Amino acid sequence: MKTGTLVTPRQREVLHTIQRLARQLGYNPSIREIGDELGISSPNGVVGHLRALERAGLISRQRFRSRTICSVAPTRRANASKAHRGLPLVGRIAAGNLTEAVGQRECLDWSDLFRGSDHYLLEVRGDSMVDADILDGDFVVVRPQTTARAGSIAVVETADNEATLKYWHPEKNRIRLQPANRKMKPIYVTNASVRGVVVGVIRQLRNS
């Protein structure tokens, strides 16, 4: 926290809400989601608290971009110049059965390969995308967006707040979430949202 900057109990509550929502959702919360959690009807009311937390060095955000509000860990503030060159590891995503996305806060410095300032990483769990050369334990680089072309590999959230990594195929009365594994059947849903599309894969070499 910056010297001489005081944080009110309400602002501390906003900070804890941001951290909790990031863990629950697996990605950064929006201003509206923060307001809904805290019973703040006006977006400007939330923004006022966010500005105070930003001045205190407790959160970072990018104006005019959605879902960039995130808390700043002490170690990241102490190494701010290095942290801003990295990509945030925000959670793990299922590549098998649907499962709740789990959020966390780390930063991996691969920005020389993927320079999008809003990109983030997800660690893959499962083998439903192996035929697309995405293996269990890989890191996928995700560009956040709410739409995807048919056939894109997308981060998808269902109406039950479950997240998965699949090929995105909208059909007439449903959405087909297609695995890249010939042994697995597609998942059909009637309501789902795109949270991002995969733009890269990072793999650590494993000993045989």
N, C-alpha and C. Protein backbone atom coordinates (compact mmCIF):
# COMPACT_ATOMS: atom_id res chain seq x y z
N MET A 1 0.84 -1.20 0.00
CA MET A 1 0.00 0.00 0.00
C MET A 1 0.87 1.25 0.00
N LYS A 2 0.48 2.29 -0.75
CA LYS A 2 1.28 3.51 -0.79
C LYS A 2 1.24 4.21 0.56
N THR A 3 2.36 4.86 0.92
CA THR A 3 2.46 5.57 2.18
C THR A 3 1.41 6.67 2.23
N GLY A 4 0.67 6.74 3.34
CA GLY A 4 -0.31 7.78 3.53
C GLY A 4 -1.65 7.50 2.88
N THR A 5 -1.82 6.35 2.21
CA THR A 5 -3.08 6.02 1.57
C THR A 5 -3.90 5.12 2.48
N LEU A 6 -5.09 5.57 2.86
CA LEU A 6 -5.95 4.81 3.75
C LEU A 6 -7.04 4.11 2.95
N VAL A 7 -7.36 2.90 3.35
CA VAL A 7 -8.42 2.13 2.70
C VAL A 7 -9.54 1.95 3.71
N THR A 8 -10.75 2.31 3.31
CA THR A 8 -11.89 2.22 4.21
C THR A 8 -12.36 0.76 4.32
N PRO A 9 -13.13 0.44 5.36
CA PRO A 9 -13.68 -0.92 5.46
C PRO A 9 -14.49 -1.32 4.22
N ARG A 10 -15.24 -0.39 3.65
CA ARG A 10 -16.03 -0.70 2.46
C ARG A 10 -15.12 -1.02 1.27
N GLN A 11 -14.03 -0.27 1.13
CA GLN A 11 -13.09 -0.53 0.04
C GLN A 11 -12.39 -1.87 0.24
N ARG A 12 -12.10 -2.20 1.49
CA ARG A 12 -11.52 -3.51 1.78
C ARG A 12 -12.49 -4.62 1.41
N GLU A 13 -13.78 -4.38 1.65
CA GLU A 13 -14.80 -5.37 1.28
C GLU A 13 -14.86 -5.55 -0.24
N VAL A 14 -14.72 -4.43 -0.97
CA VAL A 14 -14.68 -4.51 -2.44
C VAL A 14 -13.49 -5.33 -2.89
N LEU A 15 -12.33 -5.12 -2.28
CA LEU A 15 -11.12 -5.87 -2.63
C LEU A 15 -11.32 -7.36 -2.40
N HIS A 16 -11.87 -7.71 -1.24
CA HIS A 16 -12.11 -9.13 -0.94
C HIS A 16 -13.12 -9.74 -1.91
N THR A 17 -14.10 -8.95 -2.34
CA THR A 17 -15.09 -9.44 -3.30
C THR A 17 -14.43 -9.72 -4.65
N ILE A 18 -13.53 -8.85 -5.08
CA ILE A 18 -12.80 -9.06 -6.34
C ILE A 18 -12.00 -10.36 -6.27
N GLN A 19 -11.30 -10.57 -5.15
CA GLN A 19 -10.49 -11.77 -5.00
C GLN A 19 -11.36 -13.03 -4.98
N ARG A 20 -12.50 -12.96 -4.28
CA ARG A 20 -13.37 -14.12 -4.18
C ARG A 20 -14.00 -14.46 -5.53
N LEU A 21 -14.48 -13.44 -6.25
CA LEU A 21 -15.09 -13.69 -7.55
C LEU A 21 -14.08 -14.25 -8.54
N ALA A 22 -12.84 -13.77 -8.49
CA ALA A 22 -11.80 -14.29 -9.39
C ALA A 22 -11.57 -15.77 -9.13
N ARG A 23 -11.59 -16.17 -7.85
CA ARG A 23 -11.42 -17.59 -7.54
C ARG A 23 -12.62 -18.40 -8.03
N GLN A 24 -13.83 -17.88 -7.83
CA GLN A 24 -15.03 -18.62 -8.19
C GLN A 24 -15.23 -18.71 -9.70
N LEU A 25 -14.99 -17.61 -10.41
CA LEU A 25 -15.27 -17.55 -11.84
C LEU A 25 -14.13 -18.10 -12.68
N GLY A 26 -12.91 -17.97 -12.18
CA GLY A 26 -11.76 -18.38 -12.96
C GLY A 26 -11.26 -17.29 -13.89
N TYR A 27 -11.84 -16.09 -13.79
CA TYR A 27 -11.38 -14.94 -14.58
C TYR A 27 -11.78 -13.69 -13.81
N ASN A 28 -11.27 -12.54 -14.25
CA ASN A 28 -11.50 -11.31 -13.52
C ASN A 28 -12.97 -10.89 -13.58
N PRO A 29 -13.53 -10.41 -12.47
CA PRO A 29 -14.93 -10.00 -12.46
C PRO A 29 -15.14 -8.67 -13.17
N SER A 30 -16.35 -8.43 -13.62
CA SER A 30 -16.71 -7.16 -14.24
C SER A 30 -17.21 -6.20 -13.16
N ILE A 31 -17.33 -4.92 -13.53
CA ILE A 31 -17.85 -3.92 -12.60
C ILE A 31 -19.28 -4.29 -12.17
N ARG A 32 -20.08 -4.75 -13.12
CA ARG A 32 -21.47 -5.12 -12.80
C ARG A 32 -21.51 -6.30 -11.82
N GLU A 33 -20.66 -7.30 -12.02
CA GLU A 33 -20.65 -8.47 -11.13
C GLU A 33 -20.23 -8.06 -9.72
N ILE A 34 -19.25 -7.17 -9.61
CA ILE A 34 -18.83 -6.67 -8.29
C ILE A 34 -19.99 -5.93 -7.62
N GLY A 35 -20.66 -5.07 -8.40
CA GLY A 35 -21.78 -4.32 -7.85
C GLY A 35 -22.92 -5.22 -7.39
N ASP A 36 -23.22 -6.25 -8.19
CA ASP A 36 -24.29 -7.18 -7.81
C ASP A 36 -23.97 -7.90 -6.51
N GLU A 37 -22.72 -8.29 -6.32
CA GLU A 37 -22.32 -8.99 -5.11
C GLU A 37 -22.44 -8.09 -3.88
N LEU A 38 -22.18 -6.81 -4.05
CA LEU A 38 -22.14 -5.89 -2.92
C LEU A 38 -23.42 -5.07 -2.77
N GLY A 39 -24.38 -5.28 -3.67
CA GLY A 39 -25.62 -4.51 -3.59
C GLY A 39 -25.45 -3.06 -3.99
N ILE A 40 -24.49 -2.77 -4.87
CA ILE A 40 -24.26 -1.41 -5.36
C ILE A 40 -24.90 -1.32 -6.74
N SER A 41 -25.99 -0.57 -6.88
CA SER A 41 -26.74 -0.54 -8.13
C SER A 41 -26.07 0.32 -9.20
N SER A 42 -25.33 1.34 -8.78
CA SER A 42 -24.72 2.25 -9.75
C SER A 42 -23.29 1.81 -10.09
N PRO A 43 -22.97 1.64 -11.38
CA PRO A 43 -21.58 1.32 -11.74
C PRO A 43 -20.59 2.38 -11.26
N ASN A 44 -21.04 3.65 -11.23
CA ASN A 44 -20.15 4.72 -10.76
C ASN A 44 -19.76 4.53 -9.30
N GLY A 45 -20.69 3.95 -8.52
CA GLY A 45 -20.36 3.69 -7.12
C GLY A 45 -19.25 2.67 -6.98
N VAL A 46 -19.27 1.64 -7.84
CA VAL A 46 -18.19 0.65 -7.83
C VAL A 46 -16.90 1.28 -8.30
N VAL A 47 -16.97 2.07 -9.37
CA VAL A 47 -15.77 2.68 -9.95
C VAL A 47 -15.06 3.56 -8.93
N GLY A 48 -15.83 4.26 -8.10
CA GLY A 48 -15.20 5.10 -7.07
C GLY A 48 -14.34 4.29 -6.11
N HIS A 49 -14.84 3.13 -5.69
CA HIS A 49 -14.04 2.26 -4.82
C HIS A 49 -12.84 1.70 -5.56
N LEU A 50 -13.02 1.36 -6.84
CA LEU A 50 -11.91 0.80 -7.62
C LEU A 50 -10.78 1.82 -7.77
N ARG A 51 -11.14 3.06 -7.98
CA ARG A 51 -10.12 4.11 -8.12
C ARG A 51 -9.31 4.24 -6.82
N ALA A 52 -10.01 4.17 -5.68
CA ALA A 52 -9.31 4.28 -4.40
C ALA A 52 -8.37 3.09 -4.20
N LEU A 53 -8.82 1.88 -4.54
CA LEU A 53 -7.97 0.69 -4.40
C LEU A 53 -6.79 0.74 -5.36
N GLU A 54 -7.01 1.30 -6.55
CA GLU A 54 -5.93 1.43 -7.51
C GLU A 54 -4.87 2.42 -7.02
N ARG A 55 -5.34 3.53 -6.46
CA ARG A 55 -4.39 4.51 -5.90
C ARG A 55 -3.57 3.91 -4.76
N ALA A 56 -4.20 2.99 -4.02
CA ALA A 56 -3.51 2.34 -2.91
C ALA A 56 -2.58 1.23 -3.38
N GLY A 57 -2.60 0.91 -4.67
CA GLY A 57 -1.73 -0.14 -5.20
C GLY A 57 -2.23 -1.54 -4.92
N LEU A 58 -3.55 -1.68 -4.60
CA LEU A 58 -4.09 -2.98 -4.24
C LEU A 58 -4.75 -3.71 -5.41
N ILE A 59 -5.09 -2.97 -6.47
CA ILE A 59 -5.63 -3.61 -7.66
C ILE A 59 -4.99 -2.96 -8.88
N SER A 60 -5.11 -3.65 -10.02
CA SER A 60 -4.74 -3.06 -11.31
C SER A 60 -5.92 -3.24 -12.25
N ARG A 61 -6.07 -2.34 -13.18
CA ARG A 61 -7.14 -2.44 -14.17
C ARG A 61 -6.79 -1.61 -15.38
N GLN A 62 -7.37 -1.97 -16.50
CA GLN A 62 -7.19 -1.22 -17.74
C GLN A 62 -8.51 -0.58 -18.11
N ARG A 63 -8.52 0.71 -18.23
CA ARG A 63 -9.75 1.42 -18.55
C ARG A 63 -10.20 1.09 -19.97
N PHE A 64 -11.53 1.07 -20.13
CA PHE A 64 -12.19 0.82 -21.41
C PHE A 64 -12.00 -0.63 -21.88
N ARG A 65 -11.54 -1.51 -21.00
CA ARG A 65 -11.47 -2.93 -21.31
C ARG A 65 -12.22 -3.69 -20.22
N SER A 66 -12.98 -4.69 -20.63
CA SER A 66 -13.74 -5.46 -19.65
C SER A 66 -12.86 -6.53 -19.01
N ARG A 67 -13.20 -6.88 -17.78
CA ARG A 67 -12.58 -7.99 -17.05
C ARG A 67 -11.06 -7.84 -16.92
N THR A 68 -10.61 -6.62 -16.62
CA THR A 68 -9.18 -6.42 -16.36
C THR A 68 -8.93 -6.05 -14.90
N ILE A 69 -9.97 -6.09 -14.06
CA ILE A 69 -9.82 -5.73 -12.66
C ILE A 69 -9.25 -6.93 -11.91
N CYS A 70 -8.08 -6.79 -11.31
CA CYS A 70 -7.51 -7.89 -10.54
C CYS A 70 -6.72 -7.34 -9.37
N SER A 71 -6.69 -8.10 -8.29
CA SER A 71 -5.92 -7.70 -7.12
C SER A 71 -4.44 -7.91 -7.40
N VAL A 72 -3.62 -7.12 -6.75
CA VAL A 72 -2.18 -7.17 -6.95
C VAL A 72 -1.54 -7.75 -5.70
N ALA A 73 -0.91 -8.92 -5.84
CA ALA A 73 -0.25 -9.55 -4.69
C ALA A 73 0.96 -8.74 -4.28
N PRO A 74 1.38 -8.76 -2.98
CA PRO A 74 2.52 -7.98 -2.54
C PRO A 74 3.78 -8.26 -3.32
N THR A 75 4.04 -9.52 -3.65
CA THR A 75 5.26 -9.84 -4.38
C THR A 75 5.24 -9.24 -5.77
N ARG A 76 4.05 -9.12 -6.35
CA ARG A 76 3.96 -8.53 -7.68
C ARG A 76 4.15 -7.03 -7.61
N ARG A 77 3.66 -6.37 -6.52
CA ARG A 77 3.88 -4.94 -6.40
C ARG A 77 5.36 -4.66 -6.21
N ALA A 78 6.08 -5.53 -5.49
CA ALA A 78 7.49 -5.30 -5.25
C ALA A 78 8.31 -5.47 -6.51
N ASN A 79 7.77 -6.23 -7.47
CA ASN A 79 8.48 -6.46 -8.72
C ASN A 79 7.58 -6.04 -9.88
N ALA A 80 7.04 -4.82 -9.78
CA ALA A 80 6.01 -4.40 -10.73
C ALA A 80 6.53 -4.38 -12.15
N SER A 81 7.75 -3.90 -12.36
CA SER A 81 8.24 -3.78 -13.73
C SER A 81 8.35 -5.14 -14.39
N LYS A 82 8.73 -6.16 -13.64
CA LYS A 82 8.82 -7.50 -14.19
C LYS A 82 7.45 -8.11 -14.37
N ALA A 83 6.53 -7.88 -13.41
CA ALA A 83 5.21 -8.50 -13.48
C ALA A 83 4.43 -8.01 -14.68
N HIS A 84 4.58 -6.74 -15.04
CA HIS A 84 3.82 -6.21 -16.16
C HIS A 84 4.27 -6.81 -17.48
N ARG A 85 5.41 -7.48 -17.52
CA ARG A 85 5.85 -8.12 -18.75
C ARG A 85 5.28 -9.52 -18.87
N GLY A 86 4.64 -10.03 -17.82
CA GLY A 86 4.17 -11.41 -17.82
C GLY A 86 2.71 -11.52 -18.20
N LEU A 87 2.26 -12.76 -18.28
CA LEU A 87 0.85 -13.06 -18.49
C LEU A 87 0.29 -13.67 -17.22
N PRO A 88 -0.90 -13.25 -16.80
CA PRO A 88 -1.46 -13.80 -15.55
C PRO A 88 -1.96 -15.22 -15.73
N LEU A 89 -1.57 -16.08 -14.80
CA LEU A 89 -2.14 -17.43 -14.71
C LEU A 89 -3.37 -17.33 -13.82
N VAL A 90 -4.56 -17.38 -14.42
CA VAL A 90 -5.77 -17.08 -13.65
C VAL A 90 -6.54 -18.32 -13.21
N GLY A 91 -6.13 -19.51 -13.62
CA GLY A 91 -6.84 -20.69 -13.16
C GLY A 91 -6.57 -21.90 -14.01
N ARG A 92 -7.38 -22.92 -13.82
CA ARG A 92 -7.28 -24.16 -14.58
C ARG A 92 -8.59 -24.41 -15.29
N ILE A 93 -8.53 -25.02 -16.48
CA ILE A 93 -9.72 -25.24 -17.28
C ILE A 93 -9.83 -26.72 -17.64
N ALA A 94 -11.03 -27.24 -17.60
CA ALA A 94 -11.23 -28.66 -17.89
C ALA A 94 -11.12 -28.94 -19.38
N ALA A 95 -10.45 -30.03 -19.73
CA ALA A 95 -10.46 -30.53 -21.10
C ALA A 95 -10.96 -31.97 -21.07
N GLY A 96 -11.86 -32.23 -20.15
CA GLY A 96 -12.49 -33.54 -20.02
C GLY A 96 -13.95 -33.29 -19.74
N ASN A 97 -14.46 -33.73 -18.61
CA ASN A 97 -15.83 -33.42 -18.23
C ASN A 97 -15.93 -31.97 -17.81
N LEU A 98 -17.14 -31.42 -17.85
CA LEU A 98 -17.35 -30.06 -17.39
C LEU A 98 -17.00 -29.97 -15.91
N THR A 99 -16.36 -28.88 -15.51
CA THR A 99 -16.03 -28.69 -14.11
C THR A 99 -15.94 -27.21 -13.83
N GLU A 100 -16.05 -26.84 -12.60
CA GLU A 100 -15.97 -25.44 -12.23
C GLU A 100 -14.57 -24.93 -12.47
N ALA A 101 -14.45 -23.77 -13.10
CA ALA A 101 -13.14 -23.16 -13.31
C ALA A 101 -12.62 -22.64 -11.98
N VAL A 102 -11.35 -22.91 -11.68
CA VAL A 102 -10.75 -22.52 -10.41
C VAL A 102 -9.76 -21.40 -10.66
N GLY A 103 -9.96 -20.27 -9.99
CA GLY A 103 -9.08 -19.13 -10.18
C GLY A 103 -7.93 -19.11 -9.21
N GLN A 104 -6.84 -18.48 -9.63
CA GLN A 104 -5.68 -18.29 -8.76
C GLN A 104 -4.92 -17.09 -9.31
N ARG A 105 -3.90 -16.64 -8.58
CA ARG A 105 -3.18 -15.44 -8.97
C ARG A 105 -1.69 -15.73 -9.01
N GLU A 106 -1.17 -15.90 -10.21
CA GLU A 106 0.25 -16.02 -10.44
C GLU A 106 0.57 -15.26 -11.71
N CYS A 107 1.84 -15.15 -12.05
CA CYS A 107 2.20 -14.47 -13.28
C CYS A 107 3.38 -15.19 -13.91
N LEU A 108 3.22 -15.65 -15.15
CA LEU A 108 4.27 -16.35 -15.87
C LEU A 108 4.75 -15.46 -17.01
N ASP A 109 6.06 -15.28 -17.12
CA ASP A 109 6.62 -14.28 -18.01
C ASP A 109 6.97 -14.88 -19.37
N TRP A 110 5.95 -14.98 -20.25
CA TRP A 110 6.16 -15.44 -21.62
C TRP A 110 5.71 -14.37 -22.61
N SER A 111 5.81 -13.12 -22.23
CA SER A 111 5.27 -12.06 -23.07
C SER A 111 6.07 -11.84 -24.34
N ASP A 112 7.31 -12.37 -24.41
CA ASP A 112 8.04 -12.25 -25.65
C ASP A 112 7.37 -13.04 -26.77
N LEU A 113 6.63 -14.11 -26.41
CA LEU A 113 5.94 -14.91 -27.40
C LEU A 113 4.53 -14.40 -27.67
N PHE A 114 3.83 -13.93 -26.63
CA PHE A 114 2.44 -13.50 -26.77
C PHE A 114 2.32 -12.13 -26.12
N ARG A 115 2.21 -11.11 -26.94
CA ARG A 115 2.32 -9.74 -26.45
C ARG A 115 0.97 -9.06 -26.18
N GLY A 116 -0.13 -9.76 -26.34
CA GLY A 116 -1.41 -9.14 -26.06
C GLY A 116 -1.53 -8.76 -24.59
N SER A 117 -1.77 -7.48 -24.32
CA SER A 117 -1.77 -7.01 -22.93
C SER A 117 -2.92 -7.60 -22.12
N ASP A 118 -3.99 -8.05 -22.80
CA ASP A 118 -5.13 -8.60 -22.07
C ASP A 118 -5.17 -10.12 -22.11
N HIS A 119 -4.18 -10.76 -22.75
CA HIS A 119 -4.17 -12.22 -22.81
C HIS A 119 -3.88 -12.81 -21.43
N TYR A 120 -4.32 -14.04 -21.22
CA TYR A 120 -4.04 -14.73 -19.97
C TYR A 120 -3.82 -16.21 -20.24
N LEU A 121 -3.39 -16.93 -19.22
CA LEU A 121 -3.08 -18.35 -19.35
C LEU A 121 -4.07 -19.19 -18.56
N LEU A 122 -4.36 -20.38 -19.08
CA LEU A 122 -5.09 -21.40 -18.35
C LEU A 122 -4.32 -22.71 -18.44
N GLU A 123 -4.22 -23.40 -17.33
CA GLU A 123 -3.57 -24.71 -17.31
C GLU A 123 -4.61 -25.78 -17.62
N VAL A 124 -4.33 -26.63 -18.59
CA VAL A 124 -5.28 -27.63 -19.08
C VAL A 124 -5.25 -28.86 -18.19
N ARG A 125 -6.43 -29.37 -17.86
CA ARG A 125 -6.58 -30.62 -17.14
C ARG A 125 -7.49 -31.53 -17.95
N GLY A 126 -7.01 -32.69 -18.35
CA GLY A 126 -7.81 -33.62 -19.13
C GLY A 126 -7.23 -33.84 -20.51
N ASP A 127 -7.82 -34.78 -21.25
CA ASP A 127 -7.25 -35.17 -22.54
C ASP A 127 -8.25 -35.09 -23.68
N SER A 128 -9.28 -34.27 -23.53
CA SER A 128 -10.28 -34.20 -24.60
C SER A 128 -9.82 -33.39 -25.80
N MET A 129 -8.67 -32.70 -25.72
CA MET A 129 -8.19 -31.90 -26.85
C MET A 129 -6.86 -32.41 -27.39
N VAL A 130 -6.57 -33.68 -27.17
CA VAL A 130 -5.25 -34.21 -27.55
C VAL A 130 -5.06 -34.21 -29.06
N ASP A 131 -6.12 -34.41 -29.84
CA ASP A 131 -5.97 -34.42 -31.30
C ASP A 131 -5.74 -33.02 -31.86
N ALA A 132 -5.92 -32.00 -31.04
CA ALA A 132 -5.56 -30.63 -31.41
C ALA A 132 -4.19 -30.27 -30.85
N ASP A 133 -3.48 -31.29 -30.35
CA ASP A 133 -2.14 -31.12 -29.77
C ASP A 133 -2.17 -30.23 -28.53
N ILE A 134 -3.24 -30.36 -27.75
CA ILE A 134 -3.35 -29.70 -26.45
C ILE A 134 -3.45 -30.81 -25.41
N LEU A 135 -2.41 -30.95 -24.61
CA LEU A 135 -2.30 -32.09 -23.71
C LEU A 135 -2.55 -31.68 -22.26
N ASP A 136 -2.84 -32.66 -21.43
CA ASP A 136 -2.97 -32.44 -20.00
C ASP A 136 -1.69 -31.80 -19.45
N GLY A 137 -1.83 -30.71 -18.72
CA GLY A 137 -0.67 -30.01 -18.17
C GLY A 137 -0.15 -28.88 -19.03
N ASP A 138 -0.64 -28.76 -20.28
CA ASP A 138 -0.24 -27.64 -21.13
C ASP A 138 -0.85 -26.34 -20.61
N PHE A 139 -0.27 -25.22 -21.04
CA PHE A 139 -0.85 -23.91 -20.78
C PHE A 139 -1.37 -23.37 -22.11
N VAL A 140 -2.64 -23.00 -22.15
CA VAL A 140 -3.18 -22.35 -23.34
C VAL A 140 -3.19 -20.84 -23.12
N VAL A 141 -2.82 -20.11 -24.16
CA VAL A 141 -2.86 -18.65 -24.13
C VAL A 141 -4.21 -18.22 -24.69
N VAL A 142 -4.96 -17.46 -23.92
CA VAL A 142 -6.34 -17.12 -24.25
C VAL A 142 -6.46 -15.62 -24.50
N ARG A 143 -7.11 -15.28 -25.62
CA ARG A 143 -7.48 -13.89 -25.87
C ARG A 143 -8.93 -13.71 -25.43
N PRO A 144 -9.19 -12.88 -24.42
CA PRO A 144 -10.57 -12.75 -23.92
C PRO A 144 -11.47 -12.09 -24.96
N GLN A 145 -12.62 -12.70 -25.21
CA GLN A 145 -13.64 -12.15 -26.09
C GLN A 145 -14.92 -12.93 -25.86
N THR A 146 -16.02 -12.37 -26.30
CA THR A 146 -17.33 -12.96 -26.02
C THR A 146 -17.95 -13.63 -27.23
N THR A 147 -17.26 -13.62 -28.36
CA THR A 147 -17.74 -14.31 -29.55
C THR A 147 -16.60 -15.16 -30.12
N ALA A 148 -16.97 -16.16 -30.90
CA ALA A 148 -15.97 -17.02 -31.52
C ALA A 148 -16.53 -17.55 -32.84
N ARG A 149 -15.67 -17.70 -33.82
CA ARG A 149 -16.10 -18.30 -35.07
C ARG A 149 -16.31 -19.80 -34.89
N ALA A 150 -17.23 -20.35 -35.66
CA ALA A 150 -17.48 -21.80 -35.59
C ALA A 150 -16.18 -22.54 -35.87
N GLY A 151 -15.88 -23.51 -35.04
CA GLY A 151 -14.66 -24.29 -35.20
C GLY A 151 -13.48 -23.76 -34.41
N SER A 152 -13.64 -22.61 -33.74
CA SER A 152 -12.56 -22.08 -32.90
C SER A 152 -12.45 -22.90 -31.62
N ILE A 153 -11.23 -22.98 -31.10
CA ILE A 153 -11.04 -23.57 -29.78
C ILE A 153 -11.31 -22.47 -28.76
N ALA A 154 -12.35 -22.66 -27.96
CA ALA A 154 -12.82 -21.58 -27.10
C ALA A 154 -12.89 -22.01 -25.65
N VAL A 155 -12.75 -21.03 -24.78
CA VAL A 155 -13.05 -21.19 -23.36
C VAL A 155 -14.54 -20.90 -23.21
N VAL A 156 -15.31 -21.87 -22.79
CA VAL A 156 -16.77 -21.78 -22.78
C VAL A 156 -17.29 -21.95 -21.36
N GLU A 157 -18.23 -21.09 -21.01
CA GLU A 157 -18.92 -21.20 -19.71
C GLU A 157 -20.38 -21.53 -19.97
N THR A 158 -20.89 -22.57 -19.32
CA THR A 158 -22.28 -22.96 -19.50
C THR A 158 -23.19 -22.20 -18.55
N ALA A 159 -24.48 -22.42 -18.71
CA ALA A 159 -25.45 -21.75 -17.84
C ALA A 159 -25.31 -22.18 -16.39
N ASP A 160 -24.68 -23.32 -16.13
CA ASP A 160 -24.46 -23.81 -14.77
C ASP A 160 -23.14 -23.33 -14.19
N ASN A 161 -22.52 -22.32 -14.84
CA ASN A 161 -21.24 -21.77 -14.39
C ASN A 161 -20.13 -22.82 -14.43
N GLU A 162 -20.23 -23.77 -15.35
CA GLU A 162 -19.17 -24.73 -15.56
C GLU A 162 -18.37 -24.33 -16.78
N ALA A 163 -17.07 -24.57 -16.75
CA ALA A 163 -16.20 -24.11 -17.83
C ALA A 163 -15.47 -25.28 -18.46
N THR A 164 -15.22 -25.16 -19.75
CA THR A 164 -14.51 -26.21 -20.47
C THR A 164 -13.81 -25.62 -21.68
N LEU A 165 -12.88 -26.39 -22.23
CA LEU A 165 -12.13 -26.00 -23.42
C LEU A 165 -12.53 -26.95 -24.54
N LYS A 166 -13.17 -26.42 -25.59
CA LYS A 166 -13.69 -27.26 -26.67
C LYS A 166 -13.73 -26.46 -27.98
N TYR A 167 -13.91 -27.20 -29.09
CA TYR A 167 -14.26 -26.54 -30.34
C TYR A 167 -15.69 -26.01 -30.23
N TRP A 168 -15.88 -24.77 -30.67
CA TRP A 168 -17.16 -24.08 -30.55
C TRP A 168 -17.95 -24.23 -31.86
N HIS A 169 -19.12 -24.88 -31.78
CA HIS A 169 -19.94 -25.10 -32.97
C HIS A 169 -21.39 -24.75 -32.67
N PRO A 170 -21.81 -23.51 -32.93
CA PRO A 170 -23.24 -23.17 -32.77
C PRO A 170 -24.07 -23.90 -33.83
N GLU A 171 -25.19 -24.49 -33.41
CA GLU A 171 -26.11 -25.14 -34.32
C GLU A 171 -27.48 -24.49 -34.20
N LYS A 172 -28.47 -25.01 -34.88
CA LYS A 172 -29.75 -24.31 -34.98
C LYS A 172 -30.39 -24.07 -33.62
N ASN A 173 -30.55 -25.10 -32.83
CA ASN A 173 -31.24 -24.96 -31.54
C ASN A 173 -30.35 -25.36 -30.36
N ARG A 174 -29.06 -25.43 -30.60
CA ARG A 174 -28.16 -25.85 -29.53
C ARG A 174 -26.73 -25.47 -29.90
N ILE A 175 -25.84 -25.73 -28.98
CA ILE A 175 -24.42 -25.49 -29.21
C ILE A 175 -23.69 -26.81 -29.00
N ARG A 176 -22.87 -27.15 -29.96
CA ARG A 176 -22.08 -28.38 -29.85
C ARG A 176 -20.67 -28.03 -29.40
N LEU A 177 -20.28 -28.56 -28.26
CA LEU A 177 -18.92 -28.40 -27.74
C LEU A 177 -18.17 -29.68 -28.09
N GLN A 178 -17.33 -29.57 -29.12
CA GLN A 178 -16.73 -30.74 -29.72
C GLN A 178 -15.33 -31.00 -29.17
N PRO A 179 -15.08 -32.15 -28.57
CA PRO A 179 -13.72 -32.48 -28.13
C PRO A 179 -12.84 -32.83 -29.33
N ALA A 180 -11.55 -32.71 -29.15
CA ALA A 180 -10.59 -33.15 -30.16
C ALA A 180 -9.98 -34.46 -29.69
N ASN A 181 -10.86 -35.44 -29.51
CA ASN A 181 -10.44 -36.77 -29.07
C ASN A 181 -11.48 -37.74 -29.62
N ARG A 182 -11.04 -38.62 -30.53
CA ARG A 182 -11.98 -39.52 -31.21
C ARG A 182 -12.68 -40.48 -30.26
N LYS A 183 -12.16 -40.63 -29.05
CA LYS A 183 -12.78 -41.53 -28.08
C LYS A 183 -13.90 -40.86 -27.29
N MET A 184 -14.06 -39.55 -27.46
CA MET A 184 -15.03 -38.80 -26.66
C MET A 184 -16.16 -38.26 -27.52
N LYS A 185 -17.34 -38.18 -26.94
CA LYS A 185 -18.51 -37.66 -27.63
C LYS A 185 -18.65 -36.16 -27.37
N PRO A 186 -19.29 -35.46 -28.29
CA PRO A 186 -19.50 -34.03 -28.07
C PRO A 186 -20.47 -33.76 -26.92
N ILE A 187 -20.40 -32.56 -26.39
CA ILE A 187 -21.32 -32.10 -25.36
C ILE A 187 -22.28 -31.12 -26.02
N TYR A 188 -23.59 -31.31 -25.80
CA TYR A 188 -24.60 -30.42 -26.37
C TYR A 188 -25.24 -29.60 -25.26
N VAL A 189 -25.30 -28.29 -25.47
CA VAL A 189 -25.92 -27.39 -24.50
C VAL A 189 -26.81 -26.41 -25.26
N THR A 190 -27.78 -25.86 -24.57
CA THR A 190 -28.67 -24.87 -25.19
C THR A 190 -28.26 -23.45 -24.84
N ASN A 191 -27.43 -23.29 -23.82
CA ASN A 191 -27.04 -21.94 -23.39
C ASN A 191 -25.60 -21.99 -22.91
N ALA A 192 -24.74 -21.22 -23.53
CA ALA A 192 -23.34 -21.16 -23.14
C ALA A 192 -22.74 -19.85 -23.63
N SER A 193 -21.69 -19.40 -22.98
CA SER A 193 -21.04 -18.14 -23.32
C SER A 193 -19.57 -18.37 -23.62
N VAL A 194 -19.08 -17.67 -24.63
CA VAL A 194 -17.65 -17.68 -24.94
C VAL A 194 -16.95 -16.70 -24.02
N ARG A 195 -15.87 -17.14 -23.38
CA ARG A 195 -15.08 -16.27 -22.52
C ARG A 195 -13.73 -15.93 -23.14
N GLY A 196 -13.36 -16.62 -24.21
CA GLY A 196 -12.10 -16.34 -24.87
C GLY A 196 -11.80 -17.40 -25.90
N VAL A 197 -10.82 -17.15 -26.74
CA VAL A 197 -10.38 -18.13 -27.74
C VAL A 197 -8.89 -18.39 -27.55
N VAL A 198 -8.49 -19.62 -27.85
CA VAL A 198 -7.09 -20.01 -27.69
C VAL A 198 -6.27 -19.48 -28.86
N VAL A 199 -5.17 -18.81 -28.54
CA VAL A 199 -4.28 -18.28 -29.57
C VAL A 199 -2.89 -18.89 -29.50
N GLY A 200 -2.64 -19.74 -28.51
CA GLY A 200 -1.33 -20.37 -28.41
C GLY A 200 -1.32 -21.44 -27.33
N VAL A 201 -0.32 -22.30 -27.40
CA VAL A 201 -0.14 -23.37 -26.43
C VAL A 201 1.31 -23.36 -25.97
N ILE A 202 1.51 -23.48 -24.66
CA ILE A 202 2.85 -23.55 -24.10
C ILE A 202 2.98 -24.87 -23.37
N ARG A 203 4.05 -25.59 -23.66
CA ARG A 203 4.23 -26.92 -23.09
C ARG A 203 5.62 -27.05 -22.50
N GLN A 204 5.65 -27.58 -21.30
CA GLN A 204 6.92 -27.90 -20.68
C GLN A 204 7.31 -29.33 -21.06
N LEU A 205 8.57 -29.51 -21.50
CA LEU A 205 9.02 -30.84 -21.87
C LEU A 205 8.98 -31.76 -20.67
N ARG A 206 8.47 -32.98 -20.90
CA ARG A 206 8.34 -33.93 -19.82
C ARG A 206 9.32 -35.07 -20.01
N ASN A 207 9.87 -35.57 -18.92
CA ASN A 207 10.75 -36.73 -19.02
C ASN A 207 9.96 -37.97 -19.36
N SER A 208 10.47 -38.81 -20.24
CA SER A 208 9.76 -40.02 -20.64
C SER A 208 9.91 -41.08 -19.58
